[in-house]
């Protein structure tokens, strides 16, 4: 179990006592009020804002806004928008096995791109608004989570319990109310094949069905500060999102300040805490589950870790350019082979057939000249291939440095870049040693051979030094412009 330490700091306001609009509340109610003050935004008070982010199957992602807009980002295909009435806002976009479901705060489910609706709760008198919606692992059903902790199941979703049901089982029906017992309200959930986790604003986790408990923010606080300290007193901002890792082996929580908490086998790839004044609102893992994307209230998307092939414009641009370089090299090789074949064919046609002694001596001279032409053609062909290979190598360095940070994430880019620098330094030491050894033993070597060897060794040293300078310059550029994806210091 690990976490982003920049997500934790002591709240400047005591959680045991809070004042709102002249009303003083204490104890658990104060804690609930404190988190509610952060989480609840009156409809229309701040205009439309992002509420969800989902990865598109063909690459890119969709950002869902509270006013019904669904923006396609990074070359994701458009899937339309939802017309909403007064006081109605979207709370989630839920991927189905075919198409998508858009869910509103009053429990209405809108089917998009061919998804078949399995029902909703818009006809019910709800105790509170719907605050989250998640699909089943099959994509043939969905769960709706109410602000009162109620869970509604549709399609192949199955009810496995709730916080209130857990308390009723422990203490008897109605003896202990969830709202009184919880230290912070349940705000989000994530699913497993036959269960789910409910997560509260202070990072408490409640497991139901086959969902395995992997830890909570309180567990981390217990280890660092002792059990006497409550998670709500340490969290700088409330938890707003949770996503599961593969096969339910862990989960990852997002705090509204951009902090990331990972539990079980869920991997930490960096956070955006301290890098933006806009609160984080939603998180989703990448298709290869080696990274995640975060959307903030200003509509900005932040990528951490690595994205799967085709998920990012940067990755697609880099892969497309690399493929073109490979194609160009193959064409150069084919052209070189063709030129050599033509030279050989021409030489064979020009070889004399003689029987006299004089003719044989003449033929030897002619054949020597023809062989020289073939060797010249072969050398030109190899030179063309070598030039293209060097050009490709330079282009690969440029592409790697230009698109790498956006494709893989700055932290992984820096890790790889440090490895490249270490390898280049080893190559430089070896090249300098070879350069220093040239001319020590000149037995059997002409002055021209020694001079050529010294020049070639010197050129190799200069090339590697240039590669190192190139690498440093681009790493510095990434560090200077890392605000869009996190700076090297956050790695």
Protein backbone atom coordinates (compact mmCIF):
# COMPACT_ATOMS: atom_id res chain seq x y z
CA UNK A 1 0.00 0.00 0.00
CA UNK A 2 1.41 3.37 -0.99
CA UNK A 3 0.25 6.88 -1.72
CA UNK A 4 1.25 10.23 -3.06
CA UNK A 5 2.60 12.02 -0.01
CA UNK A 6 1.80 15.40 -1.54
CA UNK A 7 -1.88 14.52 -1.07
CA UNK A 8 -1.67 14.65 2.71
CA UNK A 9 -1.40 17.63 4.97
CA UNK A 10 -3.18 18.83 8.07
CA UNK A 11 -6.35 20.83 7.58
CA UNK A 12 -6.08 24.39 8.85
CA UNK A 13 -9.60 24.14 10.32
CA UNK A 14 -10.42 21.78 13.18
CA UNK A 15 -12.80 19.13 11.91
CA UNK A 16 -14.46 18.81 15.30
CA UNK A 17 -16.07 22.22 15.08
CA UNK A 18 -17.32 24.17 12.07
CA UNK A 19 -19.58 27.17 11.53
CA UNK A 20 -21.83 27.57 8.49
CA UNK A 21 -24.18 30.53 7.99
CA UNK A 22 -24.30 31.25 11.71
CA UNK A 23 -25.02 27.63 12.67
CA UNK A 24 -22.44 25.83 14.79
CA UNK A 25 -22.25 22.04 14.60
CA UNK A 26 -19.87 19.69 16.33
CA UNK A 27 -18.52 16.15 16.16
CA UNK A 28 -19.48 13.91 13.25
CA UNK A 29 -21.95 16.44 11.87
CA UNK A 30 -19.17 19.01 11.65
CA UNK A 31 -17.03 16.60 9.67
CA UNK A 32 -19.90 15.87 7.31
CA UNK A 33 -20.61 19.56 6.90
CA UNK A 34 -16.97 20.29 6.22
CA UNK A 35 -16.79 17.76 3.38
CA UNK A 36 -20.21 18.78 2.07
CA UNK A 37 -19.02 22.38 1.88
CA UNK A 38 -16.27 21.24 -0.44
CA UNK A 39 -18.26 18.75 -2.49
CA UNK A 40 -21.68 20.30 -3.06
CA UNK A 41 -21.92 22.97 -5.75
CA UNK A 42 -25.35 24.52 -6.32
CA UNK A 43 -26.70 23.97 -9.82
CA UNK A 44 -25.63 26.81 -12.04
CA UNK A 45 -23.48 28.44 -9.36
CA UNK A 46 -20.30 27.90 -11.33
CA UNK A 47 -21.76 27.07 -14.73
CA UNK A 48 -21.15 23.82 -16.56
CA UNK A 49 -18.13 21.88 -15.38
CA UNK A 50 -16.63 18.48 -16.14
CA UNK A 51 -18.06 15.62 -14.12
CA UNK A 52 -16.53 12.53 -15.73
CA UNK A 53 -13.80 11.31 -18.08
CA UNK A 54 -13.85 8.06 -20.06
CA UNK A 55 -11.33 6.57 -22.46
CA UNK A 56 -12.52 6.03 -26.03
CA UNK A 57 -11.85 2.54 -27.48
CA UNK A 58 -10.09 3.88 -30.58
CA UNK A 59 -7.97 6.43 -28.74
CA UNK A 60 -8.55 9.71 -26.96
CA UNK A 61 -11.20 10.34 -24.33
CA UNK A 62 -14.58 11.88 -23.69
CA UNK A 63 -15.06 14.61 -21.10
CA UNK A 64 -18.63 14.80 -19.81
CA UNK A 65 -19.97 18.17 -18.64
CA UNK A 66 -22.80 18.80 -16.21
CA UNK A 67 -24.83 20.68 -18.86
CA UNK A 68 -25.07 17.59 -21.09
CA UNK A 69 -22.13 18.25 -23.39
CA UNK A 70 -19.80 15.34 -24.09
CA UNK A 71 -16.57 16.62 -25.60
CA UNK A 72 -14.46 14.32 -27.74
CA UNK A 73 -10.78 14.92 -27.01
CA UNK A 74 -7.57 13.76 -28.63
CA UNK A 75 -9.25 12.42 -31.80
CA UNK A 76 -11.92 10.41 -29.99
CA UNK A 77 -15.09 10.08 -32.12
CA UNK A 78 -18.03 12.29 -31.21
CA UNK A 79 -20.92 10.60 -29.42
CA UNK A 80 -23.34 13.52 -29.21
CA UNK A 81 -24.76 15.34 -26.21
CA UNK A 82 -27.79 15.19 -23.94
CA UNK A 83 -30.52 17.84 -23.74
CA UNK A 84 -31.31 18.56 -20.12
CA UNK A 85 -34.12 20.38 -18.41
CA UNK A 86 -33.92 22.94 -15.63
CA UNK A 87 -32.07 21.81 -12.48
CA UNK A 88 -30.95 18.67 -14.30
CA UNK A 89 -27.28 17.90 -14.83
CA UNK A 90 -25.21 14.96 -15.95
CA UNK A 91 -23.21 13.12 -13.33
CA UNK A 92 -21.56 10.35 -15.37
CA UNK A 93 -20.99 8.73 -18.75
CA UNK A 94 -21.15 4.95 -18.37
CA UNK A 95 -19.62 2.66 -21.03
CA UNK A 96 -21.87 -0.23 -22.08
CA UNK A 97 -21.02 -3.39 -24.02
CA UNK A 98 -22.47 -1.49 -26.99
CA UNK A 99 -22.69 2.29 -26.74
CA UNK A 100 -22.91 4.43 -23.62
CA UNK A 101 -25.32 5.56 -20.92
CA UNK A 102 -25.47 9.16 -19.74
CA UNK A 103 -26.84 9.50 -16.21
CA UNK A 104 -28.40 12.62 -14.68
CA UNK A 105 -28.56 13.73 -11.06
CA UNK A 106 -32.25 12.78 -10.91
CA UNK A 107 -31.57 9.23 -12.04
CA UNK A 108 -32.59 9.48 -15.69
CA UNK A 109 -30.52 7.22 -17.97
CA UNK A 110 -30.04 8.30 -21.59
CA UNK A 111 -28.82 5.73 -24.12
CA UNK A 112 -26.17 6.80 -26.65
CA UNK A 113 -24.68 5.10 -29.72
CA UNK A 114 -26.87 2.01 -29.61
CA UNK A 115 -26.82 1.22 -25.89
CA UNK A 116 -30.04 -0.37 -24.64
CA UNK A 117 -31.37 1.08 -21.40
CA UNK A 118 -32.24 -1.31 -18.60
CA UNK A 119 -34.22 1.26 -16.66
CA UNK A 120 -33.63 4.16 -14.30
CA UNK A 121 -35.01 5.80 -11.14
CA UNK A 122 -36.33 9.02 -12.63
CA UNK A 123 -39.88 7.94 -11.70
CA UNK A 124 -39.02 7.44 -8.03
CA UNK A 125 -39.15 9.98 -5.20
CA UNK A 126 -35.49 9.86 -4.21
CA UNK A 127 -34.18 10.83 -0.78
CA UNK A 128 -31.21 12.45 -2.49
CA UNK A 129 -29.74 13.01 -5.91
CA UNK A 130 -27.76 10.42 -7.87
CA UNK A 131 -24.08 11.26 -7.43
CA UNK A 132 -22.31 8.45 -9.30
CA UNK A 133 -22.92 5.72 -11.86
CA UNK A 134 -20.65 2.83 -12.83
CA UNK A 135 -21.00 -0.09 -15.25
CA UNK A 136 -20.77 -3.77 -14.42
CA UNK A 137 -17.61 -5.47 -15.64
CA UNK A 138 -19.58 -7.01 -18.53
CA UNK A 139 -20.97 -3.66 -19.70
CA UNK A 140 -24.50 -5.12 -19.69
CA UNK A 141 -25.71 -3.32 -16.60
CA UNK A 142 -25.02 -0.43 -14.26
CA UNK A 143 -25.20 0.79 -10.68
CA UNK A 144 -26.56 4.16 -9.60
CA UNK A 145 -25.33 5.59 -6.29
CA UNK A 146 -27.51 8.04 -4.36
CA UNK A 147 -26.24 10.81 -2.11
CA UNK A 148 -27.86 9.00 0.82
CA UNK A 149 -25.78 5.88 0.11
CA UNK A 150 -28.60 4.05 -1.64
CA UNK A 151 -27.65 1.70 -4.49
CA UNK A 152 -29.85 0.96 -7.51
CA UNK A 153 -29.05 -1.94 -9.85
CA UNK A 154 -30.01 -2.42 -13.50
CA UNK A 155 -29.27 -5.01 -16.18
CA UNK A 156 -26.92 -7.70 -14.90
CA UNK A 157 -25.90 -5.57 -11.90
CA UNK A 158 -26.61 -7.32 -8.59
CA UNK A 159 -27.17 -5.79 -5.18
CA UNK A 160 -24.54 -6.98 -2.69
CA UNK A 161 -25.24 -4.68 0.23
CA UNK A 162 -24.91 -1.11 1.46
CA UNK A 163 -23.50 0.70 4.47
CA UNK A 164 -26.95 0.93 6.05
CA UNK A 165 -27.57 -2.77 5.42
CA UNK A 166 -24.22 -3.58 7.03
CA UNK A 167 -25.16 -1.55 10.12
CA UNK A 168 -28.62 -3.15 10.28
CA UNK A 169 -27.01 -6.58 10.25
CA UNK A 170 -24.59 -5.64 13.03
CA UNK A 171 -26.87 -3.66 15.33
CA UNK A 172 -30.41 -4.46 14.24
CA UNK A 173 -32.66 -2.69 11.72
CA UNK A 174 -32.67 1.07 12.20
CA UNK A 175 -30.67 1.00 15.42
CA UNK A 176 -27.71 2.86 13.90
CA UNK A 177 -28.17 5.17 10.93
CA UNK A 178 -25.46 5.33 8.29
CA UNK A 179 -25.52 9.13 8.20
CA UNK A 180 -24.76 9.22 11.92
CA UNK A 181 -22.17 6.45 11.82
CA UNK A 182 -20.16 7.55 8.78
CA UNK A 183 -17.28 9.96 9.37
CA UNK A 184 -17.82 11.34 5.85
CA UNK A 185 -20.48 10.72 3.19
CA UNK A 186 -20.12 8.01 0.54
CA UNK A 187 -19.23 9.82 -2.68
CA UNK A 188 -18.21 7.22 -5.27
CA UNK A 189 -17.96 3.51 -6.07
CA UNK A 190 -16.12 0.99 -8.25
CA UNK A 191 -17.15 -2.49 -9.34
CA UNK A 192 -15.72 -6.01 -9.50
CA UNK A 193 -17.20 -8.98 -11.42
CA UNK A 194 -19.51 -9.80 -8.49
CA UNK A 195 -19.26 -6.94 -6.04
CA UNK A 196 -18.27 -3.34 -5.47
CA UNK A 197 -16.46 -0.89 -3.23
CA UNK A 198 -18.14 2.16 -1.74
CA UNK A 199 -15.75 5.01 -0.94
CA UNK A 200 -16.44 7.98 1.30
CA UNK A 201 -15.02 11.48 1.09
CA UNK A 202 -12.42 10.75 3.78
CA UNK A 203 -11.11 7.68 1.93
CA UNK A 204 -12.99 5.03 3.93
CA UNK A 205 -13.65 1.87 1.89
CA UNK A 206 -16.57 -0.55 2.28
CA UNK A 207 -16.36 -3.85 0.39
CA UNK A 208 -19.36 -5.88 -0.74
CA UNK A 209 -19.73 -9.11 -2.71
CA UNK A 210 -16.41 -10.42 -4.03
CA UNK A 211 -14.72 -7.02 -3.69
CA UNK A 212 -11.62 -7.43 -1.52
CA UNK A 213 -10.60 -4.75 0.95
CA UNK A 214 -7.09 -3.48 0.13
CA UNK A 215 -6.85 -0.59 2.54
CA UNK A 216 -8.07 2.96 3.08
CA UNK A 217 -6.67 6.41 3.71
CA UNK A 218 -7.27 5.85 7.42
CA UNK A 219 -4.95 2.83 7.30
CA UNK A 220 -2.22 5.03 5.86
CA UNK A 221 -2.79 7.69 8.51
CA UNK A 222 -2.68 5.01 11.24
CA UNK A 223 0.76 3.96 10.02
CA UNK A 224 2.11 7.48 9.76
CA UNK A 225 0.44 9.37 12.60
CA UNK A 226 -1.14 6.74 14.80
CA UNK A 227 -4.76 5.61 15.23
CA UNK A 228 -5.66 8.71 17.25
CA UNK A 229 -5.61 10.86 14.10
CA UNK A 230 -8.63 10.77 11.80
CA UNK A 231 -8.17 10.70 8.03
CA UNK A 232 -10.46 13.70 7.63
CA UNK A 233 -8.03 15.74 9.76
CA UNK A 234 -5.13 14.83 7.51
CA UNK A 235 -6.68 15.00 4.07
CA UNK A 236 -6.08 18.30 2.35
CA UNK A 237 -9.06 17.66 0.06
CA UNK A 238 -11.84 15.06 -0.06
CA UNK A 239 -11.80 11.95 -2.20
CA UNK A 240 -13.83 12.44 -5.39
CA UNK A 241 -13.13 9.36 -7.52
CA UNK A 242 -12.05 5.73 -7.46
CA UNK A 243 -11.12 3.26 -10.21
CA UNK A 244 -10.33 -0.46 -9.86
CA UNK A 245 -7.15 -2.17 -11.00
CA UNK A 246 -7.19 -5.31 -13.15
CA UNK A 247 -9.18 -8.27 -11.78
CA UNK A 248 -10.12 -6.36 -8.63
CA UNK A 249 -6.57 -6.61 -7.29
CA UNK A 250 -6.63 -3.06 -5.97
CA UNK A 251 -8.03 0.41 -6.46
CA UNK A 252 -6.87 3.95 -6.93
CA UNK A 253 -8.44 7.02 -5.30
CA UNK A 254 -8.40 10.61 -6.53
CA UNK A 255 -8.63 13.59 -4.17
CA UNK A 256 -9.99 16.92 -5.37
CA UNK A 257 -6.54 18.52 -4.99
CA UNK A 258 -5.20 16.03 -7.55
CA UNK A 259 -3.61 13.71 -5.00
CA UNK A 260 -3.55 9.99 -5.81
CA UNK A 261 -3.83 7.11 -3.32
CA UNK A 262 -3.17 3.59 -4.57
CA UNK A 263 -3.95 0.35 -2.76
CA UNK A 264 -3.38 -3.32 -3.52
CA UNK A 265 -1.74 -3.84 -6.90
CA UNK A 266 -2.85 -0.49 -8.24
CA UNK A 267 0.26 1.43 -9.33
CA UNK A 268 1.14 5.04 -8.53
CA UNK A 269 2.30 6.99 -11.61
CA UNK A 270 2.30 10.52 -10.22
CA UNK A 271 -0.30 13.06 -9.18
CA UNK A 272 -1.22 16.65 -10.06
CA UNK A 273 -1.34 17.90 -6.47
CA UNK A 274 0.09 21.41 -6.28
CA UNK A 275 0.22 21.76 -10.07
CA UNK A 276 -3.19 23.31 -10.69
CA UNK A 277 -5.58 25.57 -8.81
CA UNK A 278 -8.56 23.88 -10.47
CA UNK A 279 -9.97 20.95 -8.48
CA UNK A 280 -9.78 17.43 -9.87
CA UNK A 281 -13.20 15.91 -10.55
CA UNK A 282 -12.73 12.47 -12.16
CA UNK A 283 -10.14 9.82 -13.03
CA UNK A 284 -10.02 6.84 -15.38
CA UNK A 285 -7.32 4.23 -15.97
CA UNK A 286 -5.75 3.76 -19.39
CA UNK A 287 -6.62 0.68 -21.44
CA UNK A 288 -3.31 -1.01 -20.63
CA UNK A 289 -3.79 -0.11 -16.93
CA UNK A 290 -0.27 1.34 -16.84
CA UNK A 291 -1.46 4.88 -16.25
CA UNK A 292 -4.48 7.08 -15.71
CA UNK A 293 -6.04 10.31 -16.90
CA UNK A 294 -7.42 13.02 -14.62
CA UNK A 295 -9.81 15.81 -15.58
CA UNK A 296 -9.98 19.04 -13.59
CA UNK A 297 -12.87 21.48 -13.26
CA UNK A 298 -11.39 23.77 -15.91
CA UNK A 299 -11.69 20.96 -18.48
CA UNK A 300 -7.99 20.18 -18.61
CA UNK A 301 -6.91 16.55 -19.00
CA UNK A 302 -3.77 15.31 -17.27
CA UNK A 303 -2.04 12.05 -18.24
CA UNK A 304 0.03 10.08 -15.76
CA UNK A 305 1.93 6.88 -16.47
CA UNK A 306 1.79 5.22 -19.88
CA UNK A 307 -1.09 5.04 -22.29
CA UNK A 308 -1.93 2.07 -24.45
CA UNK A 309 -1.15 2.01 -28.14
CA UNK A 310 -3.48 4.41 -29.92
CA UNK A 311 -4.77 6.12 -26.76
CA UNK A 312 -2.81 9.33 -27.20
CA UNK A 313 -2.32 11.66 -30.15
CA UNK A 314 1.34 11.94 -29.18
CA UNK A 315 1.74 8.15 -29.29
CA UNK A 316 -0.05 7.90 -32.62
CA UNK A 317 2.04 10.69 -34.14
CA UNK A 318 5.25 9.12 -32.93
CA UNK A 319 4.31 5.64 -34.12
CA UNK A 320 3.18 6.97 -37.50
CA UNK A 321 6.42 8.91 -37.96
CA UNK A 322 8.54 5.93 -36.90
CA UNK A 323 6.68 3.70 -39.35
CA UNK A 324 7.35 6.20 -42.15
CA UNK A 325 11.05 6.22 -41.27
CA UNK A 326 11.13 2.43 -41.49
CA UNK A 327 9.33 2.55 -44.84
CA UNK A 328 11.78 5.15 -46.16
CA UNK A 329 14.77 3.03 -45.12
CA UNK A 330 13.27 -0.01 -46.85
CA UNK A 331 12.80 2.01 -50.05
CA UNK A 332 16.41 3.21 -49.89
CA UNK A 333 17.60 -0.39 -49.43
CA UNK A 334 15.46 -1.57 -52.35
CA UNK A 335 16.78 1.25 -54.55
CA UNK A 336 20.37 0.50 -53.52
CA UNK A 337 19.94 -3.20 -54.27
CA UNK A 338 18.43 -2.33 -57.65
CA UNK A 339 21.34 -0.03 -58.55
CA UNK A 340 23.87 -2.72 -57.60
CA UNK A 341 21.96 -5.33 -59.62
CA UNK A 342 21.93 -3.02 -62.67
CA UNK A 343 25.68 -2.40 -62.31
CA UNK A 344 26.38 -6.12 -62.10
CA UNK A 345 24.12 -6.92 -65.03
CA UNK A 346 25.75 -4.22 -67.14
CA UNK A 347 29.22 -5.46 -66.21
CA UNK A 348 28.38 -9.05 -67.12
CA UNK A 349 27.10 -7.96 -70.52
CA UNK A 350 30.27 -5.95 -71.13
CA UNK A 351 32.77 -8.66 -70.25
CA UNK A 352 34.80 -9.59 -73.37
CA UNK A 353 35.07 -13.13 -74.68
CA UNK A 354 38.54 -13.66 -76.20
CA UNK A 355 40.78 -16.61 -77.01
CA UNK A 356 44.14 -15.04 -77.91
CA UNK A 357 46.81 -14.30 -75.34
CA UNK A 358 46.68 -10.59 -76.13
CA UNK A 359 42.93 -10.66 -75.89
CA UNK A 360 43.13 -12.31 -72.47
CA UNK A 361 45.44 -9.59 -71.14
CA UNK A 362 43.08 -6.96 -72.55
CA UNK A 363 40.09 -8.75 -71.04
CA UNK A 364 41.76 -8.76 -67.62
CA UNK A 365 42.09 -4.99 -67.74
CA UNK A 366 38.49 -4.61 -68.91
CA UNK A 367 37.20 -6.99 -66.22
CA UNK A 368 39.20 -5.16 -63.55
CA UNK A 369 37.57 -1.91 -64.64
CA UNK A 370 34.13 -3.53 -64.63
CA UNK A 371 34.74 -4.99 -61.16
CA UNK A 372 35.74 -1.53 -59.97
CA UNK A 373 32.44 -0.20 -61.32
CA UNK A 374 30.55 -2.89 -59.39
CA UNK A 375 32.50 -2.10 -56.20
CA UNK A 376 31.79 1.59 -56.70
CA UNK A 377 28.07 0.87 -57.14
CA UNK A 378 28.09 -1.29 -54.00
CA UNK A 379 29.90 1.42 -52.04
CA UNK A 380 27.45 4.09 -53.20
CA UNK A 381 24.56 1.82 -52.26
CA UNK A 382 25.98 1.13 -48.80
CA UNK A 383 26.71 4.84 -48.30
CA UNK A 384 23.10 5.68 -49.18
CA UNK A 385 21.83 3.10 -46.68
CA UNK A 386 24.23 4.34 -43.99
CA UNK A 387 23.17 7.96 -44.53
CA UNK A 388 19.51 7.00 -44.27
CA UNK A 389 20.13 4.91 -41.15
CA UNK A 390 21.92 7.85 -39.53
CA UNK A 391 19.15 10.21 -40.59
CA UNK A 392 16.57 7.81 -39.15
CA UNK A 393 18.54 7.60 -35.91
CA UNK A 394 18.55 11.40 -35.63
CA UNK A 395 14.83 11.54 -36.42
CA UNK A 396 14.09 8.85 -33.84
CA UNK A 397 15.92 10.87 -31.20
CA UNK A 398 13.89 13.93 -32.13
CA UNK A 399 10.58 12.03 -32.12
CA UNK A 400 11.39 10.30 -28.84
CA UNK A 401 12.28 13.60 -27.16
CA UNK A 402 9.36 15.51 -28.71
CA UNK A 403 6.49 13.05 -28.23
CA UNK A 404 7.85 10.79 -25.49
CA UNK A 405 6.80 12.92 -22.49
CA UNK A 406 3.23 13.29 -23.76
CA UNK A 407 2.99 9.65 -24.86
CA UNK A 408 4.44 7.91 -21.80
CA UNK A 409 4.16 10.60 -19.15
CA UNK A 410 6.98 12.79 -17.92
CA UNK A 411 8.06 10.49 -15.10
CA UNK A 412 8.58 7.47 -17.35
CA UNK A 413 10.20 9.68 -20.00
CA UNK A 414 12.70 10.92 -17.45
CA UNK A 415 13.38 7.39 -16.25
CA UNK A 416 14.07 6.24 -19.80
CA UNK A 417 16.09 9.37 -20.56
CA UNK A 418 18.33 8.77 -17.57
CA UNK A 419 18.94 5.25 -18.86
CA UNK A 420 19.83 6.61 -22.29
CA UNK A 421 22.28 9.08 -20.75
CA UNK A 422 23.94 6.32 -18.73
CA UNK A 423 24.37 4.21 -21.87
CA UNK A 424 25.75 7.16 -23.85
CA UNK A 425 28.29 7.92 -21.12
CA UNK A 426 29.49 4.31 -21.23
CA UNK A 427 29.81 4.53 -25.02
CA UNK A 428 31.68 7.83 -24.69
CA UNK A 429 34.22 6.36 -22.27
CA UNK A 430 34.83 3.43 -24.63
CA UNK A 431 35.14 5.73 -27.66
CA UNK A 432 37.59 8.02 -25.85
CA UNK A 433 39.68 4.99 -24.90
CA UNK A 434 39.75 3.84 -28.53
CA UNK A 435 40.72 7.33 -29.68
CA UNK A 436 43.55 7.50 -27.15
CA UNK A 437 44.89 4.09 -28.22
CA UNK A 438 45.13 5.00 -31.92
CA UNK A 439 48.77 5.31 -33.01
CA UNK A 440 50.30 3.55 -30.01
CA UNK A 441 51.13 0.49 -32.07
CA UNK A 442 51.83 1.55 -35.66
CA UNK A 443 53.55 -1.64 -36.74
CA UNK A 444 52.26 -2.60 -40.16
CA UNK A 445 50.20 0.59 -40.44
CA UNK A 446 50.88 3.44 -42.80
CA UNK A 447 50.67 7.04 -41.66
CA UNK A 448 47.52 7.41 -43.75
CA UNK A 449 45.86 4.44 -42.02
CA UNK A 450 46.75 5.81 -38.59
CA UNK A 451 45.44 9.27 -39.48
CA UNK A 452 42.21 7.79 -40.84
CA UNK A 453 41.71 5.65 -37.72
CA UNK A 454 42.37 8.65 -35.47
CA UNK A 455 39.88 10.76 -37.45
CA UNK A 456 37.18 8.06 -37.31
CA UNK A 457 37.68 7.57 -33.56
CA UNK A 458 37.49 11.33 -33.04
CA UNK A 459 34.29 11.54 -35.08
CA UNK A 460 32.74 8.80 -32.95
CA UNK A 461 33.63 10.70 -29.76
CA UNK A 462 32.12 13.89 -31.19
CA UNK A 463 28.95 12.08 -32.26
CA UNK A 464 28.37 10.61 -28.80
CA UNK A 465 29.07 13.96 -27.15
CA UNK A 466 26.52 15.52 -29.49
CA UNK A 467 23.98 12.83 -28.56
CA UNK A 468 24.51 13.57 -24.86
CA UNK A 469 24.07 17.31 -25.41
CA UNK A 470 20.94 16.62 -27.46
CA UNK A 471 19.49 14.43 -24.73
CA UNK A 472 20.19 16.99 -22.02
CA UNK A 473 18.69 19.82 -24.07
CA UNK A 474 15.40 18.00 -24.57
CA UNK A 475 15.23 16.84 -20.97
CA UNK A 476 15.70 20.46 -19.96
CA UNK A 477 12.96 21.51 -22.37
CA UNK A 478 10.58 18.95 -20.89
CA UNK A 479 11.42 20.16 -17.40
CA UNK A 480 10.86 23.80 -18.38
CA UNK A 481 7.52 23.10 -20.05
CA UNK A 482 6.37 20.29 -17.78
CA UNK A 483 3.39 22.16 -16.39
CA UNK A 484 1.04 20.32 -18.75
CA UNK A 485 2.09 16.90 -17.56
CA UNK A 486 4.05 17.36 -14.36
CA UNK A 487 7.66 18.41 -13.98
CA UNK A 488 10.63 16.18 -13.43
CA UNK A 489 10.74 17.22 -9.80
CA UNK A 490 7.40 15.45 -9.23
CA UNK A 491 8.97 12.16 -10.33
